[in-house]
Protein backbone atom coordinates (compact mmCIF):
# COMPACT_ATOMS: atom_id res chain seq x y z
CA MET A 1 -16.86 -5.30 7.75
CA THR A 2 -18.80 -2.29 8.97
CA ARG A 3 -19.14 -1.21 12.58
CA TRP A 4 -22.47 0.60 13.08
CA GLY A 5 -22.82 2.40 16.37
CA VAL A 6 -25.24 4.50 18.33
CA LEU A 7 -24.41 6.68 21.32
CA ALA A 8 -27.30 7.00 23.77
CA TYR A 9 -26.86 8.31 27.28
CA GLY A 10 -28.81 10.13 29.92
CA SER A 11 -32.12 9.53 31.63
CA LYS A 12 -34.52 10.73 28.92
CA PRO A 13 -36.59 7.73 27.76
CA ARG A 14 -37.17 9.27 24.33
CA ARG A 15 -33.44 9.27 23.56
CA HIS A 16 -33.29 5.52 24.22
CA SER A 17 -36.51 4.85 22.30
CA GLU A 18 -35.05 6.64 19.29
CA ALA A 19 -31.85 4.62 19.64
CA HIS A 20 -33.87 1.39 19.64
CA ALA A 21 -35.75 2.49 16.53
CA ALA A 22 -32.51 3.40 14.75
CA ILE A 23 -30.87 0.10 15.63
CA LEU A 24 -33.85 -2.00 14.57
CA SER A 25 -34.28 -0.08 11.32
CA ALA A 26 -30.60 -0.46 10.45
CA MET A 27 -30.62 -4.15 11.35
CA ALA A 28 -33.59 -4.76 9.07
CA HIS A 29 -31.66 -3.49 6.04
CA ALA A 30 -28.01 -4.14 6.88
CA PRO A 31 -25.82 -6.60 5.01
CA ALA A 32 -24.53 -9.61 6.92
CA ASP A 33 -21.09 -8.15 7.64
CA VAL A 34 -22.34 -5.30 9.86
CA ARG A 35 -21.64 -5.38 13.60
CA PHE A 36 -23.87 -3.24 15.79
CA PHE A 37 -22.72 -1.39 18.90
CA VAL A 38 -24.50 0.68 21.53
CA LEU A 39 -22.41 2.98 23.69
CA THR A 40 -24.55 3.86 26.69
CA ASP A 41 -24.65 4.65 30.37
CA ARG A 42 -27.90 2.69 30.58
CA PRO A 43 -26.97 -0.81 29.32
CA GLU A 44 -30.00 -2.39 31.00
CA ARG A 45 -32.25 -0.68 28.44
CA TYR A 46 -30.60 -2.67 25.64
CA ARG A 47 -30.31 -6.13 27.22
CA TRP A 48 -33.16 -7.48 25.11
CA LEU A 49 -30.97 -6.86 22.03
CA GLU A 50 -27.77 -8.31 23.49
CA ASP A 51 -27.85 -11.40 21.25
CA SER A 52 -27.66 -9.14 18.19
CA ILE A 53 -25.55 -6.19 19.32
CA THR A 54 -22.54 -5.36 21.44
CA ILE A 55 -23.39 -3.18 24.41
CA GLU A 56 -20.55 -0.99 25.65
CA GLY A 57 -21.37 0.45 29.06
CA LEU A 58 -20.12 4.00 29.59
CA GLN A 59 -19.21 5.33 33.00
CA SER A 60 -20.18 8.89 33.92
CA SER A 61 -16.45 9.67 34.22
CA THR A 62 -15.93 8.60 30.60
CA LEU A 63 -18.74 10.86 29.44
CA ARG A 64 -17.30 13.78 31.42
CA THR A 65 -13.91 13.19 29.83
CA TRP A 66 -15.49 12.91 26.38
CA ARG A 67 -17.26 16.26 26.92
CA GLY A 68 -13.96 17.91 27.78
CA PRO A 69 -13.30 20.98 29.92
CA THR A 70 -16.03 23.04 28.24
CA GLN A 71 -18.64 20.26 28.56
CA ASP A 72 -19.18 20.28 24.79
CA ARG A 73 -22.33 18.33 23.90
CA TYR A 74 -21.04 17.33 20.44
CA ARG A 75 -17.62 16.08 21.47
CA PRO A 76 -18.95 12.73 22.83
CA LYS A 77 -20.18 11.92 19.32
CA ILE A 78 -16.67 12.41 17.95
CA GLU A 79 -15.23 10.33 20.77
CA ALA A 80 -17.77 7.56 20.07
CA LEU A 81 -16.66 7.54 16.44
CA ARG A 82 -13.05 7.28 17.59
CA TRP A 83 -14.00 4.37 19.83
CA LEU A 84 -15.72 2.60 16.94
CA ALA A 85 -12.81 3.24 14.58
CA ALA A 86 -10.31 1.90 17.11
CA GLY A 87 -11.47 -1.58 16.11
CA GLY A 88 -9.49 -0.99 12.92
CA GLY A 89 -10.02 -2.35 9.43
CA SER A 90 -13.71 -1.45 9.34
CA HIS A 91 -16.01 1.15 7.97
CA VAL A 92 -17.77 3.14 10.71
CA VAL A 93 -21.34 4.38 10.67
């Protein structure tokens, strides 16, 4: 099995539009054993996909922790990968 995830947070509509496009494109070409995840602080923007994906709501405190003491903008991506890999026994994209 493969766990395919996207991290999309913040208030910018474009970021969420790009996440939707990425999810839909991947779903159109993915094999049957792929599970899709969205890690977001705006779960309401993904409700229309909830029959096909798992939506993991992120609290602002989680995002702050993921950014670390220096507020690194790349660290949340690494933490999202760790979250996806914690499911074990899967490939992660």
